[in-house]
């Protein structure tokens, strides 16, 4: 009974936040559909503030991928995380990106000046392309490229073509899981069976590492993987990984437990979780302050704990 009351206090706190957080709290924690709230994401709060920053040429920042984190690429990714509804300007920008930044053989191109492709960018782009319901035909070259880039250990690494990487990257792999989640959930069919298999192998790659440990020594790979951030951008952390695995429909696996235990230890006395890390770079605005209680991270952790405890 005390746990229920405590949880409801947290939910009430979440419902005092931005409308996008309200919408996802109702949907993901209370299982109540609130389409009227989703419509408001474009009209107030974080969503409206971001939409108001779109340039006359439809881009955010200078162009598709410059500068981080205010470029069109990362802004579209953030709008997708807000669960904003599409609009004419977003659709027109997506059409421009697909027409000018997608190649037949190397997926999504960051810039004409950057010759080497980046599989992380393909994963992130696939995430927002599919969320905004881009036509399947326009995604086929991206899918072909993604499939060609899977490594023997099951994951992905953006340095495969740049420098001949031999081992997958957690950063790259989690971006691909998120993109494949959006593709599969979106009802796309092209090479679907292959992508379902690839997603499963990507998740296994992360689980082999118990989300943050060397599969050889058991040591922590990088302490930054244990820091909770929002927005995560392209960078890996255990909460981002658990959310991506959860969204794939994967059931609890004992190899997740170390990371889940870390999340429990990060809970504050008031039951919230903080923002612990901010990735350097220019931003449109800060949604939350580093070091303070985070509605975004609290919502995401509660989703994870609720799902994997079932």
C-alpha atoms as a PDB file:
ATOM      1  CA  UNK A   1       0.000   0.000   0.000  1.00  0.00           C
ATOM      2  CA  UNK A   2       2.820   2.405   0.840  1.00  0.00           C
ATOM      3  CA  UNK A   3       4.574   1.558  -2.418  1.00  0.00           C
ATOM      4  CA  UNK A   4       1.372   2.267  -4.359  1.00  0.00           C
ATOM      5  CA  UNK A   5       0.876   5.608  -2.624  1.00  0.00           C
ATOM      6  CA  UNK A   6       4.517   6.523  -3.168  1.00  0.00           C
ATOM      7  CA  UNK A   7       4.278   5.616  -6.840  1.00  0.00           C
ATOM      8  CA  UNK A   8       1.104   7.668  -7.275  1.00  0.00           C
ATOM      9  CA  UNK A   9       2.895  10.636  -5.747  1.00  0.00           C
ATOM     10  CA  UNK A  10       5.557  10.222  -8.402  1.00  0.00           C
ATOM     11  CA  UNK A  11       2.934   9.952 -11.121  1.00  0.00           C
ATOM     12  CA  UNK A  12       1.252  13.118  -9.917  1.00  0.00           C
ATOM     13  CA  UNK A  13       4.636  14.855 -10.057  1.00  0.00           C
ATOM     14  CA  UNK A  14       5.136  13.627 -13.620  1.00  0.00           C
ATOM     15  CA  UNK A  15       1.683  14.915 -14.564  1.00  0.00           C
ATOM     16  CA  UNK A  16       2.762  18.391 -13.470  1.00  0.00           C
ATOM     17  CA  UNK A  17       5.443  18.371 -16.182  1.00  0.00           C
ATOM     18  CA  UNK A  18       5.479  19.180 -19.883  1.00  0.00           C
ATOM     19  CA  UNK A  19       2.498  18.022 -21.916  1.00  0.00           C
ATOM     20  CA  UNK A  20       4.636  15.430 -23.715  1.00  0.00           C
ATOM     21  CA  UNK A  21       5.570  13.920 -20.344  1.00  0.00           C
ATOM     22  CA  UNK A  22       1.926  13.982 -19.300  1.00  0.00           C
ATOM     23  CA  UNK A  23       0.916  12.172 -22.483  1.00  0.00           C
ATOM     24  CA  UNK A  24       3.528   9.442 -22.079  1.00  0.00           C
ATOM     25  CA  UNK A  25       2.815   9.046 -18.364  1.00  0.00           C
ATOM     26  CA  UNK A  26      -0.858   8.375 -19.045  1.00  0.00           C
ATOM     27  CA  UNK A  27      -0.045   6.040 -21.933  1.00  0.00           C
ATOM     28  CA  UNK A  28       2.906   4.083 -20.536  1.00  0.00           C
ATOM     29  CA  UNK A  29       2.325   4.011 -16.772  1.00  0.00           C
ATOM     30  CA  UNK A  30      -1.455   4.332 -16.405  1.00  0.00           C
ATOM     31  CA  UNK A  31      -2.393   2.703 -19.742  1.00  0.00           C
ATOM     32  CA  UNK A  32      -4.796   5.513 -20.561  1.00  0.00           C
ATOM     33  CA  UNK A  33      -4.901   6.886 -24.089  1.00  0.00           C
ATOM     34  CA  UNK A  34      -5.031  10.680 -24.189  1.00  0.00           C
ATOM     35  CA  UNK A  35      -5.005  11.717 -27.883  1.00  0.00           C
ATOM     36  CA  UNK A  36      -6.059  15.219 -26.902  1.00  0.00           C
ATOM     37  CA  UNK A  37      -2.795  15.601 -24.988  1.00  0.00           C
ATOM     38  CA  UNK A  38      -0.728  14.414 -27.934  1.00  0.00           C
ATOM     39  CA  UNK A  39      -2.339  17.093 -30.082  1.00  0.00           C
ATOM     40  CA  UNK A  40      -1.248  19.712 -27.560  1.00  0.00           C
ATOM     41  CA  UNK A  41       2.448  18.791 -27.847  1.00  0.00           C
ATOM     42  CA  UNK A  42       2.668  20.948 -30.988  1.00  0.00           C
ATOM     43  CA  UNK A  43       0.844  23.836 -29.344  1.00  0.00           C
ATOM     44  CA  UNK A  44       2.589  24.285 -26.005  1.00  0.00           C
ATOM     45  CA  UNK A  45       5.657  23.397 -23.976  1.00  0.00           C
ATOM     46  CA  UNK A  46       8.786  21.769 -25.366  1.00  0.00           C
ATOM     47  CA  UNK A  47       7.175  20.777 -28.658  1.00  0.00           C
ATOM     48  CA  UNK A  48       5.972  24.260 -29.543  1.00  0.00           C
ATOM     49  CA  UNK A  49       9.278  25.827 -28.510  1.00  0.00           C
ATOM     50  CA  UNK A  50      11.174  23.512 -30.854  1.00  0.00           C
ATOM     51  CA  UNK A  51       8.734  23.983 -33.745  1.00  0.00           C
ATOM     52  CA  UNK A  52       8.997  27.754 -33.370  1.00  0.00           C
ATOM     53  CA  UNK A  53      12.767  27.499 -33.959  1.00  0.00           C
ATOM     54  CA  UNK A  54      12.422  25.927 -37.405  1.00  0.00           C
ATOM     55  CA  UNK A  55      14.003  28.109 -40.093  1.00  0.00           C
ATOM     56  CA  UNK A  56      12.286  29.436 -43.220  1.00  0.00           C
ATOM     57  CA  UNK A  57      14.229  26.849 -45.261  1.00  0.00           C
ATOM     58  CA  UNK A  58      12.603  24.164 -43.025  1.00  0.00           C
ATOM     59  CA  UNK A  59      15.899  23.185 -41.362  1.00  0.00           C
ATOM     60  CA  UNK A  60      16.856  23.567 -37.752  1.00  0.00           C
ATOM     61  CA  UNK A  61      20.386  24.785 -37.165  1.00  0.00           C
ATOM     62  CA  UNK A  62      22.450  25.287 -40.321  1.00  0.00           C
ATOM     63  CA  UNK A  63      21.566  22.126 -42.238  1.00  0.00           C
ATOM     64  CA  UNK A  64      20.715  18.457 -41.901  1.00  0.00           C
ATOM     65  CA  UNK A  65      23.513  17.442 -39.541  1.00  0.00           C
ATOM     66  CA  UNK A  66      25.207  20.705 -38.523  1.00  0.00           C
ATOM     67  CA  UNK A  67      25.682  21.841 -35.857  1.00  0.00           C
ATOM     68  CA  UNK A  68      25.087  19.329 -33.114  1.00  0.00           C
ATOM     69  CA  UNK A  69      22.709  19.327 -31.287  1.00  0.00           C
ATOM     70  CA  UNK A  70      20.483  21.857 -33.020  1.00  0.00           C
ATOM     71  CA  UNK A  71      20.672  20.392 -36.539  1.00  0.00           C
ATOM     72  CA  UNK A  72      17.610  19.004 -38.285  1.00  0.00           C
ATOM     73  CA  UNK A  73      18.755  15.442 -37.612  1.00  0.00           C
ATOM     74  CA  UNK A  74      18.904  15.718 -33.828  1.00  0.00           C
ATOM     75  CA  UNK A  75      15.878  18.015 -33.668  1.00  0.00           C
ATOM     76  CA  UNK A  76      13.730  15.512 -35.571  1.00  0.00           C
ATOM     77  CA  UNK A  77      14.995  12.794 -33.250  1.00  0.00           C
ATOM     78  CA  UNK A  78      13.973  14.891 -30.260  1.00  0.00           C
ATOM     79  CA  UNK A  79      10.529  15.618 -31.709  1.00  0.00           C
ATOM     80  CA  UNK A  80      10.125  11.886 -32.172  1.00  0.00           C
ATOM     81  CA  UNK A  81      11.000  11.354 -28.483  1.00  0.00           C
ATOM     82  CA  UNK A  82       8.382  13.955 -27.567  1.00  0.00           C
ATOM     83  CA  UNK A  83       5.806  11.917 -29.537  1.00  0.00           C
ATOM     84  CA  UNK A  84       4.781  15.001 -31.472  1.00  0.00           C
ATOM     85  CA  UNK A  85       2.307  14.620 -34.325  1.00  0.00           C
ATOM     86  CA  UNK A  86       3.600  15.295 -37.864  1.00  0.00           C
ATOM     87  CA  UNK A  87       2.827  18.532 -39.692  1.00  0.00           C
ATOM     88  CA  UNK A  88       3.326  19.864 -43.219  1.00  0.00           C
ATOM     89  CA  UNK A  89       6.705  21.451 -42.468  1.00  0.00           C
ATOM     90  CA  UNK A  90       8.076  18.260 -40.934  1.00  0.00           C
ATOM     91  CA  UNK A  91       6.815  16.251 -43.912  1.00  0.00           C
ATOM     92  CA  UNK A  92       8.458  18.670 -46.356  1.00  0.00           C
ATOM     93  CA  UNK A  93      11.756  18.526 -44.471  1.00  0.00           C
ATOM     94  CA  UNK A  94      11.690  14.726 -44.414  1.00  0.00           C
ATOM     95  CA  UNK A  95      11.091  14.730 -48.158  1.00  0.00           C
ATOM     96  CA  UNK A  96      14.096  17.028 -48.627  1.00  0.00           C
ATOM     97  CA  UNK A  97      16.343  14.834 -46.483  1.00  0.00           C
ATOM     98  CA  UNK A  98      15.274  11.670 -48.291  1.00  0.00           C
ATOM     99  CA  UNK A  99      15.862  13.336 -51.656  1.00  0.00           C
ATOM    100  CA  UNK A 100      19.238  14.880 -50.817  1.00  0.00           C
ATOM    101  CA  UNK A 101      20.850  12.826 -48.046  1.00  0.00           C
ATOM    102  CA  UNK A 102      19.983   9.209 -48.804  1.00  0.00           C
ATOM    103  CA  UNK A 103      22.246   7.328 -51.205  1.00  0.00           C
ATOM    104  CA  UNK A 104      21.570   4.041 -52.966  1.00  0.00           C
ATOM    105  CA  UNK A 105      24.590   2.265 -51.511  1.00  0.00           C
ATOM    106  CA  UNK A 106      25.643   3.995 -48.295  1.00  0.00           C
ATOM    107  CA  UNK A 107      22.490   4.915 -46.448  1.00  0.00           C
ATOM    108  CA  UNK A 108      22.054   8.375 -44.954  1.00  0.00           C
ATOM    109  CA  UNK A 109      24.736  10.938 -45.762  1.00  0.00           C
ATOM    110  CA  UNK A 110      25.474  13.551 -43.080  1.00  0.00           C
ATOM    111  CA  UNK A 111      26.920  16.005 -45.579  1.00  0.00           C
ATOM    112  CA  UNK A 112      28.333  16.212 -49.099  1.00  0.00           C
ATOM    113  CA  UNK A 113      31.667  17.053 -47.466  1.00  0.00           C
ATOM    114  CA  UNK A 114      31.619  13.851 -45.366  1.00  0.00           C
ATOM    115  CA  UNK A 115      32.243  10.883 -47.636  1.00  0.00           C
ATOM    116  CA  UNK A 116      32.297   8.154 -45.013  1.00  0.00           C
ATOM    117  CA  UNK A 117      28.844   6.880 -43.984  1.00  0.00           C
ATOM    118  CA  UNK A 118      27.839   6.535 -40.342  1.00  0.00           C
ATOM    119  CA  UNK A 119      25.619   3.601 -39.385  1.00  0.00           C
ATOM    120  CA  UNK A 120      24.612   5.369 -36.135  1.00  0.00           C
ATOM    121  CA  UNK A 121      23.046   8.127 -38.240  1.00  0.00           C
ATOM    122  CA  UNK A 122      21.112   5.517 -40.227  1.00  0.00           C
ATOM    123  CA  UNK A 123      19.727   4.029 -37.018  1.00  0.00           C
ATOM    124  CA  UNK A 124      18.662   7.384 -35.634  1.00  0.00           C
ATOM    125  CA  UNK A 125      17.230   8.530 -38.975  1.00  0.00           C
ATOM    126  CA  UNK A 126      15.310   5.287 -39.351  1.00  0.00           C
ATOM    127  CA  UNK A 127      13.847   5.981 -35.921  1.00  0.00           C
ATOM    128  CA  UNK A 128      12.279   9.304 -36.907  1.00  0.00           C
ATOM    129  CA  UNK A 129      11.578   8.395 -40.562  1.00  0.00           C
ATOM    130  CA  UNK A 130       9.429   5.473 -39.449  1.00  0.00           C
ATOM    131  CA  UNK A 131       7.786   7.376 -36.599  1.00  0.00           C
ATOM    132  CA  UNK A 132       6.674  10.058 -39.080  1.00  0.00           C
ATOM    133  CA  UNK A 133       5.437   7.348 -41.509  1.00  0.00           C
ATOM    134  CA  UNK A 134       7.759   7.859 -44.476  1.00  0.00           C
ATOM    135  CA  UNK A 135       6.803   5.665 -47.448  1.00  0.00           C
ATOM    136  CA  UNK A 136       8.432   2.237 -47.365  1.00  0.00           C
ATOM    137  CA  UNK A 137       9.846   2.549 -50.881  1.00  0.00           C
ATOM    138  CA  UNK A 138      11.990   5.484 -49.785  1.00  0.00           C
ATOM    139  CA  UNK A 139      13.506   3.483 -46.934  1.00  0.00           C
ATOM    140  CA  UNK A 140      14.668   0.474 -48.941  1.00  0.00           C
ATOM    141  CA  UNK A 141      18.194   1.711 -49.636  1.00  0.00           C
ATOM    142  CA  UNK A 142      18.644   2.522 -45.934  1.00  0.00           C
ATOM    143  CA  UNK A 143      17.464  -0.956 -44.980  1.00  0.00           C
ATOM    144  CA  UNK A 144      19.798  -2.556 -47.514  1.00  0.00           C
ATOM    145  CA  UNK A 145      22.720  -0.579 -46.131  1.00  0.00           C
ATOM    146  CA  UNK A 146      21.846  -1.398 -42.508  1.00  0.00           C
ATOM    147  CA  UNK A 147      21.724  -5.116 -43.249  1.00  0.00           C
ATOM    148  CA  UNK A 148      25.081  -4.934 -45.036  1.00  0.00           C
ATOM    149  CA  UNK A 149      26.731  -3.359 -41.983  1.00  0.00           C
ATOM    150  CA  UNK A 150      25.911  -5.906 -39.286  1.00  0.00           C
ATOM    151  CA  UNK A 151      29.077  -7.341 -37.753  1.00  0.00           C
ATOM    152  CA  UNK A 152      29.854 -10.961 -36.907  1.00  0.00           C
ATOM    153  CA  UNK A 153      29.222 -10.430 -33.185  1.00  0.00           C
ATOM    154  CA  UNK A 154      25.654  -9.331 -33.924  1.00  0.00           C
ATOM    155  CA  UNK A 155      25.924  -5.588 -33.398  1.00  0.00           C
ATOM    156  CA  UNK A 156      27.059  -2.540 -35.355  1.00  0.00           C
ATOM    157  CA  UNK A 157      29.954  -0.103 -35.339  1.00  0.00           C
ATOM    158  CA  UNK A 158      30.101   3.208 -37.227  1.00  0.00           C
ATOM    159  CA  UNK A 159      33.851   2.700 -37.595  1.00  0.00           C
ATOM    160  CA  UNK A 160      33.509  -0.481 -39.629  1.00  0.00           C
ATOM    161  CA  UNK A 161      33.944   1.343 -42.940  1.00  0.00           C
ATOM    162  CA  UNK A 162      36.081   4.156 -41.550  1.00  0.00           C
ATOM    163  CA  UNK A 163      38.804   2.132 -39.893  1.00  0.00           C
ATOM    164  CA  UNK A 164      37.860  -1.541 -40.132  1.00  0.00           C
ATOM    165  CA  UNK A 165      36.474  -2.011 -36.619  1.00  0.00           C
ATOM    166  CA  UNK A 166      36.506  -5.634 -35.436  1.00  0.00           C
ATOM    167  CA  UNK A 167      34.059  -5.376 -32.523  1.00  0.00           C
ATOM    168  CA  UNK A 168      30.603  -3.816 -32.366  1.00  0.00           C
ATOM    169  CA  UNK A 169      29.925  -0.595 -30.485  1.00  0.00           C
ATOM    170  CA  UNK A 170      27.238  -0.225 -27.833  1.00  0.00           C
ATOM    171  CA  UNK A 171      26.642   3.343 -29.074  1.00  0.00           C
ATOM    172  CA  UNK A 172      25.944   2.181 -32.627  1.00  0.00           C
ATOM    173  CA  UNK A 173      24.032  -0.940 -31.648  1.00  0.00           C
ATOM    174  CA  UNK A 174      21.507   0.813 -29.420  1.00  0.00           C
ATOM    175  CA  UNK A 175      20.822   3.380 -32.159  1.00  0.00           C
ATOM    176  CA  UNK A 176      20.057   0.542 -34.562  1.00  0.00           C
ATOM    177  CA  UNK A 177      17.753  -1.197 -32.066  1.00  0.00           C
ATOM    178  CA  UNK A 178      15.762   2.033 -31.698  1.00  0.00           C
ATOM    179  CA  UNK A 179      15.536   2.473 -35.463  1.00  0.00           C
ATOM    180  CA  UNK A 180      14.489  -1.134 -36.002  1.00  0.00           C
ATOM    181  CA  UNK A 181      11.884  -0.806 -33.240  1.00  0.00           C
ATOM    182  CA  UNK A 182      10.276   2.086 -35.107  1.00  0.00           C
ATOM    183  CA  UNK A 183      10.463   0.230 -38.418  1.00  0.00           C
ATOM    184  CA  UNK A 184       8.920  -2.979 -37.086  1.00  0.00           C
ATOM    185  CA  UNK A 185       6.301  -1.201 -34.954  1.00  0.00           C
ATOM    186  CA  UNK A 186       5.446   0.998 -37.940  1.00  0.00           C
ATOM    187  CA  UNK A 187       4.258  -1.995 -39.923  1.00  0.00           C
ATOM    188  CA  UNK A 188       6.907  -1.870 -42.654  1.00  0.00           C
ATOM    189  CA  UNK A 189       7.440  -5.154 -44.512  1.00  0.00           C
ATOM    190  CA  UNK A 190      10.566  -4.826 -46.671  1.00  0.00           C
ATOM    191  CA  UNK A 191      13.135  -7.447 -45.505  1.00  0.00           C
ATOM    192  CA  UNK A 192      11.205  -7.634 -42.239  1.00  0.00           C
ATOM    193  CA  UNK A 193      12.222 -11.158 -41.226  1.00  0.00           C
ATOM    194  CA  UNK A 194      15.895 -10.289 -41.604  1.00  0.00           C
ATOM    195  CA  UNK A 195      15.488  -7.155 -39.513  1.00  0.00           C
ATOM    196  CA  UNK A 196      13.663  -8.979 -36.726  1.00  0.00           C
ATOM    197  CA  UNK A 197      16.568 -11.422 -36.569  1.00  0.00           C
ATOM    198  CA  UNK A 198      19.120  -8.606 -36.605  1.00  0.00           C
ATOM    199  CA  UNK A 199      17.334  -6.789 -33.778  1.00  0.00           C
ATOM    200  CA  UNK A 200      17.364  -9.956 -31.677  1.00  0.00           C
ATOM    201  CA  UNK A 201      21.099 -10.377 -32.311  1.00  0.00           C
ATOM    202  CA  UNK A 202      21.746  -6.730 -31.399  1.00  0.00           C
ATOM    203  CA  UNK A 203      19.934  -7.200 -28.099  1.00  0.00           C
ATOM    204  CA  UNK A 204      21.915 -10.368 -27.432  1.00  0.00           C
ATOM    205  CA  UNK A 205      25.137  -8.410 -28.057  1.00  0.00           C
ATOM    206  CA  UNK A 206      24.135  -5.925 -25.354  1.00  0.00           C
ATOM    207  CA  UNK A 207      23.026  -8.667 -22.958  1.00  0.00           C
ATOM    208  CA  UNK A 208      26.309 -10.539 -23.389  1.00  0.00           C
ATOM    209  CA  UNK A 209      27.897  -7.380 -21.978  1.00  0.00           C
ATOM    210  CA  UNK A 210      25.338  -7.234 -19.159  1.00  0.00           C
ATOM    211  CA  UNK A 211      24.629  -3.791 -20.649  1.00  0.00           C
ATOM    212  CA  UNK A 212      27.871  -2.167 -19.501  1.00  0.00           C
ATOM    213  CA  UNK A 213      30.565  -4.755 -18.786  1.00  0.00           C
ATOM    214  CA  UNK A 214      33.369  -6.317 -20.785  1.00  0.00           C
ATOM    215  CA  UNK A 215      32.393  -9.764 -22.011  1.00  0.00           C
ATOM    216  CA  UNK A 216      35.975 -10.863 -21.342  1.00  0.00           C
ATOM    217  CA  UNK A 217      36.891  -9.343 -17.971  1.00  0.00           C
ATOM    218  CA  UNK A 218      33.556  -8.289 -16.472  1.00  0.00           C
ATOM    219  CA  UNK A 219      34.951  -4.791 -15.836  1.00  0.00           C
ATOM    220  CA  UNK A 220      32.930  -1.651 -16.501  1.00  0.00           C
ATOM    221  CA  UNK A 221      33.570  -0.680 -20.125  1.00  0.00           C
ATOM    222  CA  UNK A 222      33.047   3.048 -19.604  1.00  0.00           C
ATOM    223  CA  UNK A 223      31.764   4.788 -16.472  1.00  0.00           C
ATOM    224  CA  UNK A 224      29.782   7.183 -18.672  1.00  0.00           C
ATOM    225  CA  UNK A 225      27.502   4.244 -19.558  1.00  0.00           C
ATOM    226  CA  UNK A 226      26.199   4.387 -15.971  1.00  0.00           C
ATOM    227  CA  UNK A 227      25.344   8.094 -16.065  1.00  0.00           C
ATOM    228  CA  UNK A 228      21.742   9.053 -16.773  1.00  0.00           C
ATOM    229  CA  UNK A 229      21.339  11.703 -19.454  1.00  0.00           C
ATOM    230  CA  UNK A 230      18.503  13.246 -21.392  1.00  0.00           C
ATOM    231  CA  UNK A 231      18.384  13.695 -24.319  1.00  0.00           C
ATOM    232  CA  UNK A 232      20.810  10.825 -24.972  1.00  0.00           C
ATOM    233  CA  UNK A 233      21.720  12.063 -28.493  1.00  0.00           C
ATOM    234  CA  UNK A 234      23.818   9.260 -30.077  1.00  0.00           C
ATOM    235  CA  UNK A 235      25.474   8.215 -26.843  1.00  0.00           C
ATOM    236  CA  UNK A 236      24.938   4.958 -25.005  1.00  0.00           C
ATOM    237  CA  UNK A 237      23.869   4.538 -21.403  1.00  0.00           C
ATOM    238  CA  UNK A 238      22.177   1.719 -19.515  1.00  0.00           C
ATOM    239  CA  UNK A 239      18.799   3.447 -19.279  1.00  0.00           C
ATOM    240  CA  UNK A 240      18.687   4.140 -22.998  1.00  0.00           C
ATOM    241  CA  UNK A 241      19.557   0.485 -23.623  1.00  0.00           C
ATOM    242  CA  UNK A 242      16.904  -0.848 -21.255  1.00  0.00           C
ATOM    243  CA  UNK A 243      14.242   1.379 -22.837  1.00  0.00           C
ATOM    244  CA  UNK A 244      15.222   0.192 -26.334  1.00  0.00           C
ATOM    245  CA  UNK A 245      15.178  -3.463 -25.261  1.00  0.00           C
ATOM    246  CA  UNK A 246      11.825  -2.965 -23.527  1.00  0.00           C
ATOM    247  CA  UNK A 247      10.349  -1.305 -26.615  1.00  0.00           C
ATOM    248  CA  UNK A 248      11.366  -4.351 -28.654  1.00  0.00           C
ATOM    249  CA  UNK A 249       9.076  -6.517 -26.535  1.00  0.00           C
ATOM    250  CA  UNK A 250      11.956  -8.550 -25.120  1.00  0.00           C
ATOM    251  CA  UNK A 251      11.235 -10.249 -21.802  1.00  0.00           C
ATOM    252  CA  UNK A 252      13.300  -9.945 -18.644  1.00  0.00           C
ATOM    253  CA  UNK A 253      16.710 -11.622 -18.791  1.00  0.00           C
ATOM    254  CA  UNK A 254      18.902 -12.170 -15.738  1.00  0.00           C
ATOM    255  CA  UNK A 255      21.738 -10.395 -17.557  1.00  0.00           C
ATOM    256  CA  UNK A 256      19.808  -7.118 -17.247  1.00  0.00           C
ATOM    257  CA  UNK A 257      19.809  -7.266 -13.466  1.00  0.00           C
ATOM    258  CA  UNK A 258      23.175  -5.591 -12.834  1.00  0.00           C
ATOM    259  CA  UNK A 259      22.033  -2.544 -14.800  1.00  0.00           C
ATOM    260  CA  UNK A 260      18.625  -2.534 -13.091  1.00  0.00           C
ATOM    261  CA  UNK A 261      20.376  -2.641  -9.706  1.00  0.00           C
ATOM    262  CA  UNK A 262      22.412   0.409 -10.752  1.00  0.00           C
ATOM    263  CA  UNK A 263      19.169   2.254 -11.552  1.00  0.00           C
ATOM    264  CA  UNK A 264      17.741   1.440  -8.121  1.00  0.00           C
ATOM    265  CA  UNK A 265      20.861   2.860  -6.478  1.00  0.00           C
ATOM    266  CA  UNK A 266      20.432   6.118  -8.394  1.00  0.00           C
ATOM    267  CA  UNK A 267      16.937   6.722  -7.023  1.00  0.00           C
ATOM    268  CA  UNK A 268      16.767   9.764  -4.770  1.00  0.00           C
ATOM    269  CA  UNK A 269      15.116   9.888  -1.354  1.00  0.00           C
ATOM    270  CA  UNK A 270      12.054  11.541  -2.878  1.00  0.00           C
ATOM    271  CA  UNK A 271      11.725   8.658  -5.336  1.00  0.00           C
ATOM    272  CA  UNK A 272      12.872  10.554  -8.421  1.00  0.00           C
ATOM    273  CA  UNK A 273      15.856   9.999 -10.684  1.00  0.00           C
ATOM    274  CA  UNK A 274      18.244  12.804 -11.729  1.00  0.00           C
ATOM    275  CA  UNK A 275      19.894  14.028 -14.891  1.00  0.00           C
ATOM    276  CA  UNK A 276      23.531  13.168 -14.246  1.00  0.00           C
ATOM    277  CA  UNK A 277      25.223  14.018 -17.525  1.00  0.00           C
ATOM    278  CA  UNK A 278      24.822  16.592 -20.258  1.00  0.00           C
ATOM    279  CA  UNK A 279      26.491  15.974 -23.608  1.00  0.00           C
ATOM    280  CA  UNK A 280      28.496  19.079 -24.645  1.00  0.00           C
ATOM    281  CA  UNK A 281      27.225  21.030 -27.630  1.00  0.00           C
ATOM    282  CA  UNK A 282      24.890  23.820 -28.643  1.00  0.00           C
ATOM    283  CA  UNK A 283      21.245  23.198 -27.696  1.00  0.00           C
ATOM    284  CA  UNK A 284      17.933  24.856 -28.490  1.00  0.00           C
ATOM    285  CA  UNK A 285      17.225  25.075 -24.753  1.00  0.00           C
ATOM    286  CA  UNK A 286      17.689  22.909 -21.664  1.00  0.00           C
ATOM    287  CA  UNK A 287      14.635  20.893 -20.758  1.00  0.00           C
ATOM    288  CA  UNK A 288      16.082  20.034 -17.351  1.00  0.00           C
ATOM    289  CA  UNK A 289      19.113  20.995 -15.284  1.00  0.00           C
ATOM    290  CA  UNK A 290      21.956  18.571 -14.718  1.00  0.00           C
ATOM    291  CA  UNK A 291      22.037  17.363 -11.125  1.00  0.00           C
ATOM    292  CA  UNK A 292      18.362  17.966 -10.467  1.00  0.00           C
ATOM    293  CA  UNK A 293      15.430  15.576 -10.428  1.00  0.00           C
ATOM    294  CA  UNK A 294      14.411  14.656 -13.948  1.00  0.00           C
ATOM    295  CA  UNK A 295      10.877  13.961 -15.052  1.00  0.00           C
ATOM    296  CA  UNK A 296      12.202  12.435 -18.260  1.00  0.00           C
ATOM    297  CA  UNK A 297      14.510   9.998 -16.525  1.00  0.00           C
ATOM    298  CA  UNK A 298      12.015   9.228 -13.781  1.00  0.00           C
ATOM    299  CA  UNK A 299       9.371   8.410 -16.387  1.00  0.00           C
ATOM    300  CA  UNK A 300      11.787   6.224 -18.343  1.00  0.00           C
ATOM    301  CA  UNK A 301      13.042   4.347 -15.275  1.00  0.00           C
ATOM    302  CA  UNK A 302       9.511   3.722 -14.020  1.00  0.00           C
ATOM    303  CA  UNK A 303       8.560   2.359 -17.443  1.00  0.00           C
ATOM    304  CA  UNK A 304      11.531  -0.011 -17.362  1.00  0.00           C
ATOM    305  CA  UNK A 305      10.947  -1.198 -13.789  1.00  0.00           C
ATOM    306  CA  UNK A 306       7.223  -1.657 -14.384  1.00  0.00           C
ATOM    307  CA  UNK A 307       7.769  -3.618 -17.599  1.00  0.00           C
ATOM    308  CA  UNK A 308      10.547  -5.937 -16.475  1.00  0.00           C
ATOM    309  CA  UNK A 309       8.916  -6.686 -13.100  1.00  0.00           C
ATOM    310  CA  UNK A 310       5.840  -8.190 -14.774  1.00  0.00           C
END
